[in-house]
Amino acid sequence: MNNRSDEENQSFNDVTEHNRTITGLNPKKSGRLPGPIKFIGIFLIGGFILMGILAFILNIITG
């Protein structure tokens, strides 16, 4: 039987094997953005959404 933890620990290629064994990177945490970059992204996307809603409302009011 295949154990799920064995499948999770298998490396996809030599690069991921190197990152896991030599540098000690956790594959579960990789792919996440650092906090400040995540905050800036949320702020920018939220700003675009609010500007779009505001433009739509102002277009209806003045139109």
PDB file of N, CA and C in Angstrom:
ATOM      1  N   MET A   1       0.836  -1.185   0.000  1.00  0.00           N
ATOM      2  CA  MET A   1       0.000   0.000   0.000  1.00  0.00           C
ATOM      3  C   MET A   1       0.877   1.245   0.000  1.00  0.00           C
ATOM      4  N   ASN A   2       0.409   2.260  -0.706  1.00  0.00           N
ATOM      5  CA  ASN A   2       1.113   3.530  -0.709  1.00  0.00           C
ATOM      6  C   ASN A   2       0.646   4.367   0.458  1.00  0.00           C
ATOM      7  N   ASN A   3       1.598   4.888   1.169  1.00  0.00           N
ATOM      8  CA  ASN A   3       1.289   5.767   2.277  1.00  0.00           C
ATOM      9  C   ASN A   3       1.222   7.201   1.760  1.00  0.00           C
ATOM     10  N   ARG A   4       0.221   7.958   2.178  1.00  0.00           N
ATOM     11  CA  ARG A   4       0.054   9.317   1.670  1.00  0.00           C
ATOM     12  C   ARG A   4       1.256  10.188   2.009  1.00  0.00           C
ATOM     13  N   SER A   5       1.840  10.011   3.183  1.00  0.00           N
ATOM     14  CA  SER A   5       3.000  10.825   3.557  1.00  0.00           C
ATOM     15  C   SER A   5       4.199  10.510   2.663  1.00  0.00           C
ATOM     16  N   ASP A   6       4.317   9.270   2.179  1.00  0.00           N
ATOM     17  CA  ASP A   6       5.390   8.941   1.250  1.00  0.00           C
ATOM     18  C   ASP A   6       5.199   9.658  -0.071  1.00  0.00           C
ATOM     19  N   GLU A   7       3.949   9.764  -0.541  1.00  0.00           N
ATOM     20  CA  GLU A   7       3.674  10.469  -1.790  1.00  0.00           C
ATOM     21  C   GLU A   7       3.956  11.956  -1.648  1.00  0.00           C
ATOM     22  N   GLU A   8       3.671  12.529  -0.483  1.00  0.00           N
ATOM     23  CA  GLU A   8       3.916  13.948  -0.268  1.00  0.00           C
ATOM     24  C   GLU A   8       5.402  14.239  -0.166  1.00  0.00           C
ATOM     25  N   ASN A   9       6.193  13.299   0.319  1.00  0.00           N
ATOM     26  CA  ASN A   9       7.622  13.511   0.495  1.00  0.00           C
ATOM     27  C   ASN A   9       8.422  13.248  -0.768  1.00  0.00           C
ATOM     28  N   GLN A  10       7.833  12.616  -1.773  1.00  0.00           N
ATOM     29  CA  GLN A  10       8.553  12.365  -3.005  1.00  0.00           C
ATOM     30  C   GLN A  10       8.753  13.669  -3.751  1.00  0.00           C
ATOM     31  N   SER A  11       9.943  13.815  -4.329  1.00  0.00           N
ATOM     32  CA  SER A  11      10.261  15.039  -5.051  1.00  0.00           C
ATOM     33  C   SER A  11       9.819  14.926  -6.497  1.00  0.00           C
ATOM     34  N   PHE A  12       9.406  16.058  -7.048  1.00  0.00           N
ATOM     35  CA  PHE A  12       8.951  16.119  -8.432  1.00  0.00           C
ATOM     36  C   PHE A  12      10.130  16.023  -9.392  1.00  0.00           C
ATOM     37  N   ASN A  13      11.211  16.715  -9.070  1.00  0.00           N
ATOM     38  CA  ASN A  13      12.420  16.662  -9.887  1.00  0.00           C
ATOM     39  C   ASN A  13      13.637  16.963  -9.013  1.00  0.00           C
ATOM     40  N   ASP A  14      14.801  17.115  -9.633  1.00  0.00           N
ATOM     41  CA  ASP A  14      16.024  17.341  -8.876  1.00  0.00           C
ATOM     42  C   ASP A  14      16.024  18.674  -8.135  1.00  0.00           C
ATOM     43  N   VAL A  15      15.372  19.678  -8.708  1.00  0.00           N
ATOM     44  CA  VAL A  15      15.350  20.993  -8.069  1.00  0.00           C
ATOM     45  C   VAL A  15      14.572  20.940  -6.763  1.00  0.00           C
ATOM     46  N   THR A  16      13.396  20.336  -6.783  1.00  0.00           N
ATOM     47  CA  THR A  16      12.614  20.250  -5.547  1.00  0.00           C
ATOM     48  C   THR A  16      13.299  19.345  -4.527  1.00  0.00           C
ATOM     49  N   GLU A  17      13.976  18.323  -4.995  1.00  0.00           N
ATOM     50  CA  GLU A  17      14.750  17.463  -4.087  1.00  0.00           C
ATOM     51  C   GLU A  17      15.850  18.270  -3.409  1.00  0.00           C
ATOM     52  N   HIS A  18      16.556  19.089  -4.183  1.00  0.00           N
ATOM     53  CA  HIS A  18      17.621  19.926  -3.628  1.00  0.00           C
ATOM     54  C   HIS A  18      17.049  20.918  -2.615  1.00  0.00           C
ATOM     55  N   ASN A  19      15.942  21.573  -2.960  1.00  0.00           N
ATOM     56  CA  ASN A  19      15.344  22.542  -2.043  1.00  0.00           C
ATOM     57  C   ASN A  19      14.885  21.880  -0.752  1.00  0.00           C
ATOM     58  N   ARG A  20      14.386  20.674  -0.853  1.00  0.00           N
ATOM     59  CA  ARG A  20      13.885  19.991   0.344  1.00  0.00           C
ATOM     60  C   ARG A  20      15.024  19.489   1.223  1.00  0.00           C
ATOM     61  N   THR A  21      16.060  18.898   0.612  1.00  0.00           N
ATOM     62  CA  THR A  21      17.111  18.266   1.410  1.00  0.00           C
ATOM     63  C   THR A  21      18.246  19.210   1.774  1.00  0.00           C
ATOM     64  N   ILE A  22      18.720  20.004   0.842  1.00  0.00           N
ATOM     65  CA  ILE A  22      19.892  20.835   1.091  1.00  0.00           C
ATOM     66  C   ILE A  22      19.515  22.145   1.776  1.00  0.00           C
ATOM     67  N   THR A  23      18.589  22.887   1.189  1.00  0.00           N
ATOM     68  CA  THR A  23      18.245  24.192   1.747  1.00  0.00           C
ATOM     69  C   THR A  23      17.224  24.088   2.861  1.00  0.00           C
ATOM     70  N   GLY A  24      16.507  22.988   2.956  1.00  0.00           N
ATOM     71  CA  GLY A  24      15.563  22.786   4.045  1.00  0.00           C
ATOM     72  C   GLY A  24      14.248  23.523   3.876  1.00  0.00           C
ATOM     73  N   LEU A  25      13.886  23.850   2.642  1.00  0.00           N
ATOM     74  CA  LEU A  25      12.615  24.518   2.417  1.00  0.00           C
ATOM     75  C   LEU A  25      11.467  23.551   2.614  1.00  0.00           C
ATOM     76  N   ASN A  26      10.408  24.046   3.233  1.00  0.00           N
ATOM     77  CA  ASN A  26       9.223  23.236   3.466  1.00  0.00           C
ATOM     78  C   ASN A  26       8.332  23.325   2.234  1.00  0.00           C
ATOM     79  N   PRO A  27       8.055  22.210   1.555  1.00  0.00           N
ATOM     80  CA  PRO A  27       7.240  22.285   0.340  1.00  0.00           C
ATOM     81  C   PRO A  27       5.801  22.731   0.597  1.00  0.00           C
ATOM     82  N   LYS A  28       5.303  22.556   1.801  1.00  0.00           N
ATOM     83  CA  LYS A  28       3.937  22.974   2.111  1.00  0.00           C
ATOM     84  C   LYS A  28       3.832  24.492   2.209  1.00  0.00           C
ATOM     85  N   LYS A  29       4.911  25.167   2.635  1.00  0.00           N
ATOM     86  CA  LYS A  29       4.880  26.617   2.778  1.00  0.00           C
ATOM     87  C   LYS A  29       5.298  27.330   1.503  1.00  0.00           C
ATOM     88  N   SER A  30       5.938  26.640   0.588  1.00  0.00           N
ATOM     89  CA  SER A  30       6.376  27.306  -0.630  1.00  0.00           C
ATOM     90  C   SER A  30       5.170  27.665  -1.482  1.00  0.00           C
ATOM     91  N   GLY A  31       5.267  28.778  -2.177  1.00  0.00           N
ATOM     92  CA  GLY A  31       4.170  29.239  -3.005  1.00  0.00           C
ATOM     93  C   GLY A  31       3.321  30.301  -2.334  1.00  0.00           C
ATOM     94  N   ARG A  32       3.532  30.545  -1.074  1.00  0.00           N
ATOM     95  CA  ARG A  32       2.793  31.596  -0.372  1.00  0.00           C
ATOM     96  C   ARG A  32       3.582  32.893  -0.448  1.00  0.00           C
ATOM     97  N   LEU A  33       2.851  33.993  -0.565  1.00  0.00           N
ATOM     98  CA  LEU A  33       3.497  35.297  -0.614  1.00  0.00           C
ATOM     99  C   LEU A  33       3.817  35.780   0.794  1.00  0.00           C
ATOM    100  N   PRO A  34       4.899  36.555   0.939  1.00  0.00           N
ATOM    101  CA  PRO A  34       5.179  37.171   2.238  1.00  0.00           C
ATOM    102  C   PRO A  34       4.078  38.158   2.615  1.00  0.00           C
ATOM    103  N   GLY A  35       3.939  38.415   3.900  1.00  0.00           N
ATOM    104  CA  GLY A  35       2.870  39.265   4.405  1.00  0.00           C
ATOM    105  C   GLY A  35       2.777  40.646   3.781  1.00  0.00           C
ATOM    106  N   PRO A  36       3.883  41.421   3.712  1.00  0.00           N
ATOM    107  CA  PRO A  36       3.773  42.767   3.135  1.00  0.00           C
ATOM    108  C   PRO A  36       3.345  42.760   1.672  1.00  0.00           C
ATOM    109  N   ILE A  37       3.826  41.821   0.880  1.00  0.00           N
ATOM    110  CA  ILE A  37       3.445  41.748  -0.528  1.00  0.00           C
ATOM    111  C   ILE A  37       1.979  41.356  -0.651  1.00  0.00           C
ATOM    112  N   LYS A  38       1.534  40.449   0.207  1.00  0.00           N
ATOM    113  CA  LYS A  38       0.120  40.054   0.205  1.00  0.00           C
ATOM    114  C   LYS A  38      -0.761  41.246   0.563  1.00  0.00           C
ATOM    115  N   PHE A  39      -0.343  42.038   1.554  1.00  0.00           N
ATOM    116  CA  PHE A  39      -1.110  43.214   1.968  1.00  0.00           C
ATOM    117  C   PHE A  39      -1.199  44.233   0.836  1.00  0.00           C
ATOM    118  N   ILE A  40      -0.084  44.493   0.146  1.00  0.00           N
ATOM    119  CA  ILE A  40      -0.082  45.441  -0.967  1.00  0.00           C
ATOM    120  C   ILE A  40      -1.010  44.941  -2.074  1.00  0.00           C
ATOM    121  N   GLY A  41      -0.988  43.660  -2.370  1.00  0.00           N
ATOM    122  CA  GLY A  41      -1.860  43.103  -3.398  1.00  0.00           C
ATOM    123  C   GLY A  41      -3.326  43.241  -3.040  1.00  0.00           C
ATOM    124  N   ILE A  42      -3.671  42.953  -1.797  1.00  0.00           N
ATOM    125  CA  ILE A  42      -5.056  43.084  -1.351  1.00  0.00           C
ATOM    126  C   ILE A  42      -5.487  44.545  -1.420  1.00  0.00           C
ATOM    127  N   PHE A  43      -4.593  45.460  -1.009  1.00  0.00           N
ATOM    128  CA  PHE A  43      -4.899  46.890  -1.045  1.00  0.00           C
ATOM    129  C   PHE A  43      -5.132  47.367  -2.472  1.00  0.00           C
ATOM    130  N   LEU A  44      -4.282  46.950  -3.414  1.00  0.00           N
ATOM    131  CA  LEU A  44      -4.429  47.379  -4.805  1.00  0.00           C
ATOM    132  C   LEU A  44      -5.693  46.807  -5.447  1.00  0.00           C
ATOM    133  N   ILE A  45      -5.931  45.533  -5.253  1.00  0.00           N
ATOM    134  CA  ILE A  45      -7.124  44.914  -5.849  1.00  0.00           C
ATOM    135  C   ILE A  45      -8.388  45.510  -5.239  1.00  0.00           C
ATOM    136  N   GLY A  46      -8.388  45.710  -3.933  1.00  0.00           N
ATOM    137  CA  GLY A  46      -9.534  46.339  -3.278  1.00  0.00           C
ATOM    138  C   GLY A  46      -9.757  47.751  -3.779  1.00  0.00           C
ATOM    139  N   GLY A  47      -8.677  48.502  -4.005  1.00  0.00           N
ATOM    140  CA  GLY A  47      -8.795  49.855  -4.533  1.00  0.00           C
ATOM    141  C   GLY A  47      -9.395  49.869  -5.922  1.00  0.00           C
ATOM    142  N   PHE A  48      -8.963  48.947  -6.783  1.00  0.00           N
ATOM    143  CA  PHE A  48      -9.528  48.871  -8.135  1.00  0.00           C
ATOM    144  C   PHE A  48     -11.023  48.534  -8.099  1.00  0.00           C
ATOM    145  N   ILE A  49     -11.390  47.621  -7.220  1.00  0.00           N
ATOM    146  CA  ILE A  49     -12.804  47.247  -7.117  1.00  0.00           C
ATOM    147  C   ILE A  49     -13.631  48.427  -6.615  1.00  0.00           C
ATOM    148  N   LEU A  50     -13.143  49.127  -5.594  1.00  0.00           N
ATOM    149  CA  LEU A  50     -13.880  50.279  -5.072  1.00  0.00           C
ATOM    150  C   LEU A  50     -13.980  51.395  -6.108  1.00  0.00           C
ATOM    151  N   MET A  51     -12.904  51.643  -6.870  1.00  0.00           N
ATOM    152  CA  MET A  51     -12.963  52.669  -7.912  1.00  0.00           C
ATOM    153  C   MET A  51     -13.954  52.287  -9.006  1.00  0.00           C
ATOM    154  N   GLY A  52     -14.018  51.013  -9.345  1.00  0.00           N
ATOM    155  CA  GLY A  52     -14.976  50.568 -10.348  1.00  0.00           C
ATOM    156  C   GLY A  52     -16.405  50.747  -9.888  1.00  0.00           C
ATOM    157  N   ILE A  53     -16.683  50.394  -8.643  1.00  0.00           N
ATOM    158  CA  ILE A  53     -18.028  50.557  -8.098  1.00  0.00           C
ATOM    159  C   ILE A  53     -18.388  52.031  -8.025  1.00  0.00           C
ATOM    160  N   LEU A  54     -17.440  52.860  -7.564  1.00  0.00           N
ATOM    161  CA  LEU A  54     -17.688  54.294  -7.472  1.00  0.00           C
ATOM    162  C   LEU A  54     -17.929  54.896  -8.855  1.00  0.00           C
ATOM    163  N   ALA A  55     -17.157  54.507  -9.853  1.00  0.00           N
ATOM    164  CA  ALA A  55     -17.346  55.009 -11.223  1.00  0.00           C
ATOM    165  C   ALA A  55     -18.711  54.598 -11.763  1.00  0.00           C
ATOM    166  N   PHE A  56     -19.131  53.382 -11.464  1.00  0.00           N
ATOM    167  CA  PHE A  56     -20.444  52.898 -11.914  1.00  0.00           C
ATOM    168  C   PHE A  56     -21.571  53.704 -11.280  1.00  0.00           C
ATOM    169  N   ILE A  57     -21.456  53.936  -9.984  1.00  0.00           N
ATOM    170  CA  ILE A  57     -22.497  54.688  -9.277  1.00  0.00           C
ATOM    171  C   ILE A  57     -22.548  56.137  -9.764  1.00  0.00           C
ATOM    172  N   LEU A  58     -21.378  56.751  -9.933  1.00  0.00           N
ATOM    173  CA  LEU A  58     -21.354  58.139 -10.411  1.00  0.00           C
ATOM    174  C   LEU A  58     -21.863  58.246 -11.838  1.00  0.00           C
ATOM    175  N   ASN A  59     -21.622  57.232 -12.638  1.00  0.00           N
ATOM    176  CA  ASN A  59     -22.124  57.226 -14.004  1.00  0.00           C
ATOM    177  C   ASN A  59     -23.640  57.156 -14.022  1.00  0.00           C
ATOM    178  N   ILE A  60     -24.221  56.397 -13.121  1.00  0.00           N
ATOM    179  CA  ILE A  60     -25.681  56.292 -13.040  1.00  0.00           C
ATOM    180  C   ILE A  60     -26.276  57.609 -12.545  1.00  0.00           C
ATOM    181  N   ILE A  61     -25.633  58.234 -11.539  1.00  0.00           N
ATOM    182  CA  ILE A  61     -26.160  59.465 -10.961  1.00  0.00           C
ATOM    183  C   ILE A  61     -26.095  60.614 -11.969  1.00  0.00           C
ATOM    184  N   THR A  62     -24.974  60.768 -12.651  1.00  0.00           N
ATOM    185  CA  THR A  62     -24.801  61.901 -13.566  1.00  0.00           C
ATOM    186  C   THR A  62     -25.354  61.617 -14.947  1.00  0.00           C
ATOM    187  N   GLY A  63     -25.595  60.358 -15.268  1.00  0.00           N
ATOM    188  CA  GLY A  63     -25.954  59.967 -16.607  1.00  0.00           C
ATOM    189  C   GLY A  63     -27.343  60.207 -16.974  1.00  0.00           C
TER     190      GLY A  63
END
